[in-house]
Amino acid sequence: MFRTVRFALFAFAVMACLIIRPSPTFACVEGLAWGMPEAEINTHLNGNIQYENNNHQRLIARHVHLDQLPVTQLTLEMDQQGGLESLAYEFSMDDMTEVLAGLSARHGKPIATSIQEKMYDDQLWVWNTGEDLITAIKRTSGQAQKFLISYRPSRLRPETL
């Protein structure tokens, strides 16, 4: 009896693996996926993208939101074939705490470090979700401060270590 149940569960698992097809890997933003072409990204962002200084591999979008938070600038890096390779959001410093709290709530405690150089002081927080590598950076340079989050597909799955 036990052997039959075990065999049935094994057969069910094999069938599930054969039937279920892998779905596309979604980038951090709902509706965007790694490798998505520029035209689809432009449609998703309501036509707000433009090239950065004639660089056809870097797109800039302004006047966009991540959920209800305004994004100062969204930078999208495209690969040679024109597909989405990575992206970075720049937020107001006033939104930094909320964004970091949201990332921590969703992905757990990050790896954190600080870098101090002559010209700048950076604080970094890093998450590897298995799908994405997320890096949050607070940069202080003189009196100016910036806060941004970058996403790119993870090249190393944590379970392989």
N, C-alpha and C. Protein backbone atom coordinates (compact mmCIF):
# COMPACT_ATOMS: atom_id res chain seq x y z
N MET A 1 0.83 -1.19 0.00
CA MET A 1 0.00 0.00 0.00
C MET A 1 0.88 1.26 0.00
N PHE A 2 1.85 1.33 0.93
CA PHE A 2 2.74 2.48 1.02
C PHE A 2 3.52 2.67 -0.28
N ARG A 3 3.95 1.52 -0.84
CA ARG A 3 4.72 1.56 -2.09
C ARG A 3 3.86 2.11 -3.23
N THR A 4 2.61 1.76 -3.29
CA THR A 4 1.70 2.23 -4.33
C THR A 4 1.47 3.74 -4.22
N VAL A 5 1.27 4.24 -3.01
CA VAL A 5 1.07 5.67 -2.79
C VAL A 5 2.32 6.44 -3.19
N ARG A 6 3.48 5.91 -2.81
CA ARG A 6 4.74 6.55 -3.18
C ARG A 6 4.92 6.59 -4.70
N PHE A 7 4.60 5.49 -5.38
CA PHE A 7 4.70 5.44 -6.83
C PHE A 7 3.74 6.43 -7.48
N ALA A 8 2.53 6.53 -6.95
CA ALA A 8 1.53 7.46 -7.49
C ALA A 8 1.99 8.91 -7.33
N LEU A 9 2.55 9.24 -6.17
CA LEU A 9 3.06 10.59 -5.95
C LEU A 9 4.22 10.90 -6.90
N PHE A 10 5.11 9.93 -7.09
CA PHE A 10 6.22 10.12 -8.00
C PHE A 10 5.72 10.34 -9.43
N ALA A 11 4.78 9.51 -9.86
CA ALA A 11 4.22 9.65 -11.21
C ALA A 11 3.54 11.01 -11.38
N PHE A 12 2.82 11.46 -10.36
CA PHE A 12 2.16 12.76 -10.41
C PHE A 12 3.20 13.88 -10.54
N ALA A 13 4.29 13.79 -9.79
CA ALA A 13 5.34 14.81 -9.85
C ALA A 13 5.97 14.86 -11.23
N VAL A 14 6.23 13.70 -11.84
CA VAL A 14 6.81 13.66 -13.19
C VAL A 14 5.85 14.27 -14.20
N MET A 15 4.58 13.93 -14.10
CA MET A 15 3.58 14.49 -15.01
C MET A 15 3.50 16.01 -14.86
N ALA A 16 3.53 16.49 -13.62
CA ALA A 16 3.46 17.93 -13.38
C ALA A 16 4.66 18.63 -14.03
N CYS A 17 5.84 18.03 -13.93
CA CYS A 17 7.03 18.63 -14.54
C CYS A 17 6.93 18.67 -16.06
N LEU A 18 6.31 17.66 -16.65
CA LEU A 18 6.16 17.62 -18.10
C LEU A 18 5.10 18.58 -18.60
N ILE A 19 4.05 18.79 -17.81
CA ILE A 19 2.94 19.64 -18.24
C ILE A 19 3.24 21.11 -18.01
N ILE A 20 3.82 21.43 -16.88
CA ILE A 20 4.07 22.82 -16.53
C ILE A 20 5.26 23.34 -17.33
N ARG A 21 5.04 24.37 -18.07
CA ARG A 21 6.09 25.00 -18.86
C ARG A 21 6.66 26.18 -18.07
N PRO A 22 7.96 26.43 -18.19
CA PRO A 22 8.49 27.60 -17.49
C PRO A 22 7.89 28.88 -18.05
N SER A 23 7.57 29.80 -17.17
CA SER A 23 7.02 31.09 -17.59
C SER A 23 8.14 32.09 -17.75
N PRO A 24 7.91 33.21 -18.46
CA PRO A 24 8.98 34.19 -18.62
C PRO A 24 9.36 34.77 -17.27
N THR A 25 10.63 35.14 -17.15
CA THR A 25 11.10 35.72 -15.92
C THR A 25 10.74 37.20 -15.90
N PHE A 26 9.97 37.60 -14.90
CA PHE A 26 9.51 38.97 -14.83
C PHE A 26 10.54 39.83 -14.12
N ALA A 27 10.76 41.01 -14.65
CA ALA A 27 11.63 41.97 -13.99
C ALA A 27 10.88 42.52 -12.78
N CYS A 28 11.52 43.40 -12.07
CA CYS A 28 10.97 43.87 -10.81
C CYS A 28 9.63 44.57 -10.95
N VAL A 29 9.33 45.13 -12.10
CA VAL A 29 8.11 45.91 -12.26
C VAL A 29 7.05 45.04 -12.89
N GLU A 30 5.87 45.09 -12.34
CA GLU A 30 4.78 44.33 -12.92
C GLU A 30 4.59 44.74 -14.38
N GLY A 31 4.55 43.77 -15.25
CA GLY A 31 4.36 44.06 -16.66
C GLY A 31 5.64 44.11 -17.47
N LEU A 32 6.80 44.22 -16.83
CA LEU A 32 8.07 44.21 -17.55
C LEU A 32 8.73 42.85 -17.35
N ALA A 33 9.43 42.39 -18.35
CA ALA A 33 10.15 41.11 -18.26
C ALA A 33 11.54 41.29 -18.83
N TRP A 34 12.51 40.55 -18.28
CA TRP A 34 13.87 40.60 -18.81
C TRP A 34 13.82 40.16 -20.26
N GLY A 35 14.50 40.91 -21.13
CA GLY A 35 14.52 40.62 -22.55
C GLY A 35 13.40 41.28 -23.34
N MET A 36 12.48 41.98 -22.64
CA MET A 36 11.36 42.63 -23.32
C MET A 36 11.88 43.68 -24.29
N PRO A 37 11.32 43.74 -25.51
CA PRO A 37 11.78 44.74 -26.48
C PRO A 37 11.34 46.16 -26.14
N GLU A 38 12.07 47.11 -26.69
CA GLU A 38 11.85 48.53 -26.42
C GLU A 38 10.41 48.97 -26.70
N ALA A 39 9.83 48.51 -27.80
CA ALA A 39 8.48 48.93 -28.17
C ALA A 39 7.46 48.54 -27.09
N GLU A 40 7.60 47.34 -26.54
CA GLU A 40 6.69 46.90 -25.47
C GLU A 40 6.91 47.70 -24.19
N ILE A 41 8.16 48.01 -23.89
CA ILE A 41 8.46 48.81 -22.71
C ILE A 41 7.85 50.20 -22.86
N ASN A 42 8.01 50.79 -24.04
CA ASN A 42 7.46 52.11 -24.29
C ASN A 42 5.94 52.11 -24.13
N THR A 43 5.28 51.08 -24.63
CA THR A 43 3.83 50.96 -24.47
C THR A 43 3.46 50.83 -23.01
N HIS A 44 4.21 50.00 -22.28
CA HIS A 44 3.93 49.79 -20.85
C HIS A 44 4.09 51.09 -20.05
N LEU A 45 5.06 51.90 -20.44
CA LEU A 45 5.32 53.16 -19.73
C LEU A 45 4.62 54.35 -20.39
N ASN A 46 3.60 54.08 -21.17
CA ASN A 46 2.77 55.13 -21.79
C ASN A 46 3.56 56.11 -22.65
N GLY A 47 4.57 55.60 -23.35
CA GLY A 47 5.33 56.45 -24.27
C GLY A 47 6.28 57.42 -23.61
N ASN A 48 6.65 57.17 -22.35
CA ASN A 48 7.51 58.11 -21.62
C ASN A 48 9.00 57.88 -21.80
N ILE A 49 9.44 56.92 -22.60
CA ILE A 49 10.88 56.66 -22.69
C ILE A 49 11.52 57.47 -23.80
N GLN A 50 12.80 57.76 -23.60
CA GLN A 50 13.60 58.44 -24.61
C GLN A 50 15.03 57.94 -24.50
N TYR A 51 15.82 58.10 -25.56
CA TYR A 51 17.22 57.67 -25.54
C TYR A 51 18.03 58.67 -24.73
N GLU A 52 19.04 58.14 -24.05
CA GLU A 52 19.95 59.01 -23.32
C GLU A 52 21.11 59.38 -24.23
N ASN A 53 21.17 60.64 -24.63
CA ASN A 53 22.27 61.16 -25.45
C ASN A 53 22.63 60.27 -26.63
N ASN A 54 21.65 59.91 -27.44
CA ASN A 54 21.84 59.08 -28.64
C ASN A 54 22.41 57.69 -28.33
N ASN A 55 22.35 57.26 -27.09
CA ASN A 55 22.78 55.92 -26.72
C ASN A 55 21.56 55.00 -26.82
N HIS A 56 21.53 54.15 -27.84
CA HIS A 56 20.36 53.32 -28.08
C HIS A 56 20.30 52.10 -27.16
N GLN A 57 21.24 51.98 -26.26
CA GLN A 57 21.18 50.89 -25.29
C GLN A 57 20.76 51.39 -23.91
N ARG A 58 20.58 52.68 -23.74
CA ARG A 58 20.14 53.24 -22.46
C ARG A 58 18.93 54.12 -22.70
N LEU A 59 17.83 53.76 -22.06
CA LEU A 59 16.59 54.51 -22.17
C LEU A 59 16.29 55.17 -20.83
N ILE A 60 15.68 56.33 -20.89
CA ILE A 60 15.32 57.10 -19.70
C ILE A 60 13.81 57.33 -19.72
N ALA A 61 13.19 57.17 -18.57
CA ALA A 61 11.76 57.50 -18.43
C ALA A 61 11.61 58.40 -17.21
N ARG A 62 10.79 59.42 -17.37
CA ARG A 62 10.47 60.33 -16.27
C ARG A 62 8.95 60.35 -16.14
N HIS A 63 8.48 60.91 -15.04
CA HIS A 63 7.03 61.00 -14.79
C HIS A 63 6.38 59.62 -14.73
N VAL A 64 7.08 58.67 -14.09
CA VAL A 64 6.51 57.35 -13.87
C VAL A 64 6.42 57.11 -12.37
N HIS A 65 5.68 56.10 -11.99
CA HIS A 65 5.50 55.74 -10.58
C HIS A 65 5.81 54.27 -10.40
N LEU A 66 6.30 53.92 -9.24
CA LEU A 66 6.42 52.54 -8.80
C LEU A 66 5.36 52.40 -7.72
N ASP A 67 4.29 51.73 -8.05
CA ASP A 67 3.09 51.69 -7.22
C ASP A 67 2.62 53.13 -7.06
N GLN A 68 2.66 53.69 -5.85
CA GLN A 68 2.21 55.06 -5.67
C GLN A 68 3.35 56.05 -5.44
N LEU A 69 4.59 55.55 -5.49
CA LEU A 69 5.74 56.42 -5.28
C LEU A 69 6.22 57.02 -6.61
N PRO A 70 6.40 58.33 -6.65
CA PRO A 70 6.94 58.92 -7.87
C PRO A 70 8.41 58.55 -8.03
N VAL A 71 8.81 58.29 -9.27
CA VAL A 71 10.18 57.94 -9.59
C VAL A 71 10.80 59.16 -10.28
N THR A 72 11.90 59.65 -9.72
CA THR A 72 12.59 60.80 -10.31
C THR A 72 13.04 60.47 -11.72
N GLN A 73 13.65 59.29 -11.89
CA GLN A 73 14.12 58.85 -13.20
C GLN A 73 14.20 57.34 -13.20
N LEU A 74 13.75 56.72 -14.28
CA LEU A 74 13.89 55.29 -14.50
C LEU A 74 14.86 55.13 -15.66
N THR A 75 15.95 54.39 -15.43
CA THR A 75 16.95 54.13 -16.46
C THR A 75 16.88 52.66 -16.83
N LEU A 76 16.72 52.39 -18.11
CA LEU A 76 16.60 51.02 -18.61
C LEU A 76 17.78 50.72 -19.51
N GLU A 77 18.50 49.67 -19.22
CA GLU A 77 19.63 49.24 -20.06
C GLU A 77 19.15 48.11 -20.96
N MET A 78 19.43 48.25 -22.26
CA MET A 78 19.01 47.26 -23.24
C MET A 78 20.24 46.48 -23.71
N ASP A 79 20.05 45.19 -24.05
CA ASP A 79 21.18 44.43 -24.58
C ASP A 79 21.35 44.69 -26.08
N GLN A 80 22.31 44.05 -26.72
CA GLN A 80 22.60 44.29 -28.14
C GLN A 80 21.41 43.98 -29.04
N GLN A 81 20.57 43.03 -28.65
CA GLN A 81 19.41 42.66 -29.44
C GLN A 81 18.20 43.54 -29.13
N GLY A 82 18.35 44.50 -28.22
CA GLY A 82 17.27 45.43 -27.90
C GLY A 82 16.32 44.97 -26.83
N GLY A 83 16.72 43.99 -26.01
CA GLY A 83 15.88 43.51 -24.93
C GLY A 83 16.30 44.08 -23.58
N LEU A 84 15.36 44.17 -22.65
CA LEU A 84 15.64 44.73 -21.32
C LEU A 84 16.65 43.88 -20.58
N GLU A 85 17.73 44.53 -20.13
CA GLU A 85 18.83 43.85 -19.46
C GLU A 85 18.93 44.21 -17.98
N SER A 86 18.66 45.46 -17.65
CA SER A 86 18.68 45.91 -16.26
C SER A 86 17.93 47.23 -16.17
N LEU A 87 17.58 47.62 -14.97
CA LEU A 87 16.91 48.90 -14.79
C LEU A 87 17.24 49.47 -13.43
N ALA A 88 17.11 50.78 -13.32
CA ALA A 88 17.41 51.48 -12.07
C ALA A 88 16.40 52.59 -11.85
N TYR A 89 15.91 52.68 -10.64
CA TYR A 89 14.98 53.73 -10.23
C TYR A 89 15.71 54.73 -9.36
N GLU A 90 15.50 56.00 -9.61
CA GLU A 90 15.99 57.02 -8.70
C GLU A 90 14.77 57.61 -7.98
N PHE A 91 14.83 57.60 -6.64
CA PHE A 91 13.74 58.09 -5.82
C PHE A 91 14.16 59.33 -5.04
N SER A 92 13.19 60.04 -4.55
CA SER A 92 13.44 61.15 -3.63
C SER A 92 14.01 60.56 -2.33
N MET A 93 14.87 61.30 -1.68
CA MET A 93 15.43 60.84 -0.39
C MET A 93 14.32 60.63 0.64
N ASP A 94 13.23 61.38 0.52
CA ASP A 94 12.12 61.23 1.46
C ASP A 94 11.47 59.85 1.36
N ASP A 95 11.63 59.16 0.23
CA ASP A 95 11.01 57.85 0.04
C ASP A 95 11.93 56.68 0.38
N MET A 96 13.19 56.98 0.74
CA MET A 96 14.17 55.93 0.96
C MET A 96 13.74 54.94 2.04
N THR A 97 13.28 55.40 3.17
CA THR A 97 12.92 54.51 4.27
C THR A 97 11.79 53.57 3.87
N GLU A 98 10.78 54.12 3.18
CA GLU A 98 9.64 53.30 2.77
C GLU A 98 10.06 52.24 1.75
N VAL A 99 10.92 52.61 0.81
CA VAL A 99 11.38 51.66 -0.21
C VAL A 99 12.21 50.56 0.43
N LEU A 100 13.15 50.93 1.30
CA LEU A 100 13.97 49.91 1.97
C LEU A 100 13.13 48.99 2.84
N ALA A 101 12.15 49.55 3.54
CA ALA A 101 11.27 48.74 4.38
C ALA A 101 10.46 47.77 3.52
N GLY A 102 10.00 48.24 2.36
CA GLY A 102 9.24 47.37 1.46
C GLY A 102 10.10 46.23 0.91
N LEU A 103 11.33 46.54 0.51
CA LEU A 103 12.23 45.50 0.02
C LEU A 103 12.55 44.49 1.12
N SER A 104 12.79 44.97 2.33
CA SER A 104 13.09 44.07 3.44
C SER A 104 11.89 43.20 3.79
N ALA A 105 10.70 43.77 3.75
CA ALA A 105 9.49 42.99 4.04
C ALA A 105 9.29 41.90 3.00
N ARG A 106 9.60 42.21 1.75
CA ARG A 106 9.37 41.24 0.68
C ARG A 106 10.48 40.21 0.56
N HIS A 107 11.75 40.65 0.72
CA HIS A 107 12.89 39.77 0.43
C HIS A 107 13.74 39.42 1.64
N GLY A 108 13.39 39.90 2.81
CA GLY A 108 14.19 39.60 3.99
C GLY A 108 15.31 40.59 4.21
N LYS A 109 16.14 40.28 5.16
CA LYS A 109 17.24 41.16 5.54
C LYS A 109 18.31 41.19 4.44
N PRO A 110 18.73 42.39 4.03
CA PRO A 110 19.75 42.48 2.97
C PRO A 110 21.16 42.36 3.54
N ILE A 111 22.10 42.21 2.64
CA ILE A 111 23.50 42.38 2.98
C ILE A 111 23.75 43.88 2.86
N ALA A 112 24.35 44.48 3.84
CA ALA A 112 24.55 45.93 3.85
C ALA A 112 26.03 46.25 4.06
N THR A 113 26.46 47.34 3.44
CA THR A 113 27.83 47.80 3.61
C THR A 113 27.89 49.30 3.33
N SER A 114 29.00 49.90 3.68
CA SER A 114 29.25 51.32 3.40
C SER A 114 30.59 51.46 2.70
N ILE A 115 30.67 52.44 1.82
CA ILE A 115 31.91 52.74 1.11
C ILE A 115 32.17 54.23 1.28
N GLN A 116 33.35 54.57 1.80
CA GLN A 116 33.70 55.98 1.98
C GLN A 116 34.92 56.30 1.13
N GLU A 117 34.74 57.25 0.25
CA GLU A 117 35.81 57.75 -0.62
C GLU A 117 35.91 59.25 -0.41
N LYS A 118 36.92 59.89 -1.03
CA LYS A 118 37.08 61.34 -0.92
C LYS A 118 35.87 62.09 -1.42
N MET A 119 35.37 61.71 -2.59
CA MET A 119 34.33 62.47 -3.27
C MET A 119 32.91 62.05 -2.90
N TYR A 120 32.74 60.88 -2.30
CA TYR A 120 31.39 60.41 -1.99
C TYR A 120 31.40 59.42 -0.84
N ASP A 121 30.22 59.18 -0.30
CA ASP A 121 29.98 58.22 0.77
C ASP A 121 28.75 57.42 0.36
N ASP A 122 28.90 56.11 0.18
CA ASP A 122 27.79 55.26 -0.26
C ASP A 122 27.37 54.30 0.84
N GLN A 123 26.08 54.06 0.92
CA GLN A 123 25.53 52.97 1.71
C GLN A 123 24.87 52.04 0.71
N LEU A 124 25.13 50.74 0.80
CA LEU A 124 24.58 49.77 -0.13
C LEU A 124 23.83 48.67 0.61
N TRP A 125 22.72 48.26 0.01
CA TRP A 125 21.94 47.12 0.50
C TRP A 125 21.72 46.20 -0.69
N VAL A 126 21.95 44.90 -0.52
CA VAL A 126 21.87 43.96 -1.64
C VAL A 126 21.00 42.77 -1.27
N TRP A 127 20.10 42.40 -2.21
CA TRP A 127 19.28 41.21 -2.08
C TRP A 127 19.49 40.37 -3.34
N ASN A 128 19.61 39.04 -3.19
CA ASN A 128 19.57 38.12 -4.33
C ASN A 128 18.32 37.28 -4.13
N THR A 129 17.32 37.52 -4.97
CA THR A 129 16.04 36.82 -4.82
C THR A 129 16.03 35.47 -5.53
N GLY A 130 17.09 35.17 -6.24
CA GLY A 130 17.11 33.98 -7.07
C GLY A 130 16.77 34.33 -8.51
N GLU A 131 15.84 35.25 -8.70
CA GLU A 131 15.48 35.75 -10.03
C GLU A 131 16.20 37.05 -10.33
N ASP A 132 16.24 37.94 -9.34
CA ASP A 132 16.81 39.28 -9.52
C ASP A 132 17.93 39.53 -8.52
N LEU A 133 18.89 40.36 -8.91
CA LEU A 133 19.87 40.92 -7.99
C LEU A 133 19.44 42.37 -7.80
N ILE A 134 19.09 42.74 -6.59
CA ILE A 134 18.58 44.08 -6.28
C ILE A 134 19.63 44.80 -5.45
N THR A 135 20.01 45.98 -5.88
CA THR A 135 20.98 46.78 -5.14
C THR A 135 20.37 48.15 -4.89
N ALA A 136 20.29 48.52 -3.62
CA ALA A 136 19.83 49.86 -3.23
C ALA A 136 21.06 50.65 -2.80
N ILE A 137 21.16 51.89 -3.27
CA ILE A 137 22.33 52.72 -3.00
C ILE A 137 21.89 54.10 -2.56
N LYS A 138 22.46 54.54 -1.44
CA LYS A 138 22.31 55.93 -1.01
C LYS A 138 23.68 56.57 -1.18
N ARG A 139 23.77 57.57 -2.04
CA ARG A 139 25.04 58.24 -2.29
C ARG A 139 24.98 59.66 -1.77
N THR A 140 25.98 60.01 -0.97
CA THR A 140 26.14 61.38 -0.48
C THR A 140 27.44 61.90 -1.08
N SER A 141 27.32 63.02 -1.79
CA SER A 141 28.48 63.65 -2.41
C SER A 141 28.38 65.14 -2.11
N GLY A 142 29.17 65.60 -1.15
CA GLY A 142 29.05 66.99 -0.70
C GLY A 142 27.70 67.18 -0.04
N GLN A 143 26.92 68.13 -0.52
CA GLN A 143 25.58 68.38 0.02
C GLN A 143 24.50 67.59 -0.73
N ALA A 144 24.85 67.01 -1.87
CA ALA A 144 23.87 66.30 -2.69
C ALA A 144 23.72 64.85 -2.23
N GLN A 145 22.49 64.38 -2.22
CA GLN A 145 22.20 62.99 -1.88
C GLN A 145 21.30 62.40 -2.96
N LYS A 146 21.55 61.13 -3.30
CA LYS A 146 20.72 60.40 -4.25
C LYS A 146 20.40 59.04 -3.66
N PHE A 147 19.23 58.53 -4.02
CA PHE A 147 18.85 57.18 -3.62
C PHE A 147 18.32 56.46 -4.84
N LEU A 148 18.92 55.32 -5.16
CA LEU A 148 18.43 54.56 -6.30
C LEU A 148 18.46 53.07 -6.01
N ILE A 149 17.64 52.37 -6.79
CA ILE A 149 17.57 50.91 -6.70
C ILE A 149 17.80 50.37 -8.10
N SER A 150 18.69 49.41 -8.22
CA SER A 150 18.91 48.79 -9.52
C SER A 150 18.53 47.32 -9.46
N TYR A 151 18.02 46.83 -10.58
CA TYR A 151 17.63 45.44 -10.73
C TYR A 151 18.29 44.89 -11.97
N ARG A 152 18.72 43.66 -11.89
CA ARG A 152 19.18 42.93 -13.06
C ARG A 152 18.91 41.45 -12.79
N PRO A 153 18.86 40.65 -13.84
CA PRO A 153 18.65 39.22 -13.60
C PRO A 153 19.81 38.65 -12.80
N SER A 154 19.49 37.79 -11.86
CA SER A 154 20.54 37.14 -11.07
C SER A 154 21.24 36.09 -11.93
N ARG A 155 22.56 36.08 -11.87
CA ARG A 155 23.33 35.08 -12.60
C ARG A 155 23.68 33.88 -11.73
N LEU A 156 23.40 34.01 -10.43
CA LEU A 156 23.72 32.94 -9.50
C LEU A 156 22.53 32.67 -8.61
N ARG A 157 21.98 31.51 -8.67
CA ARG A 157 20.87 31.14 -7.81
C ARG A 157 21.42 30.75 -6.44
N PRO A 158 20.84 31.32 -5.36
CA PRO A 158 21.35 31.01 -4.03
C PRO A 158 21.37 29.52 -3.71
N GLU A 159 20.44 28.75 -4.26
CA GLU A 159 20.37 27.32 -3.95
C GLU A 159 21.52 26.53 -4.59
N THR A 160 22.28 27.12 -5.51
CA THR A 160 23.41 26.40 -6.11
C THR A 160 24.67 26.49 -5.25
N LEU A 161 24.66 27.34 -4.26
CA LEU A 161 25.85 27.49 -3.41
C LEU A 161 25.90 26.42 -2.35
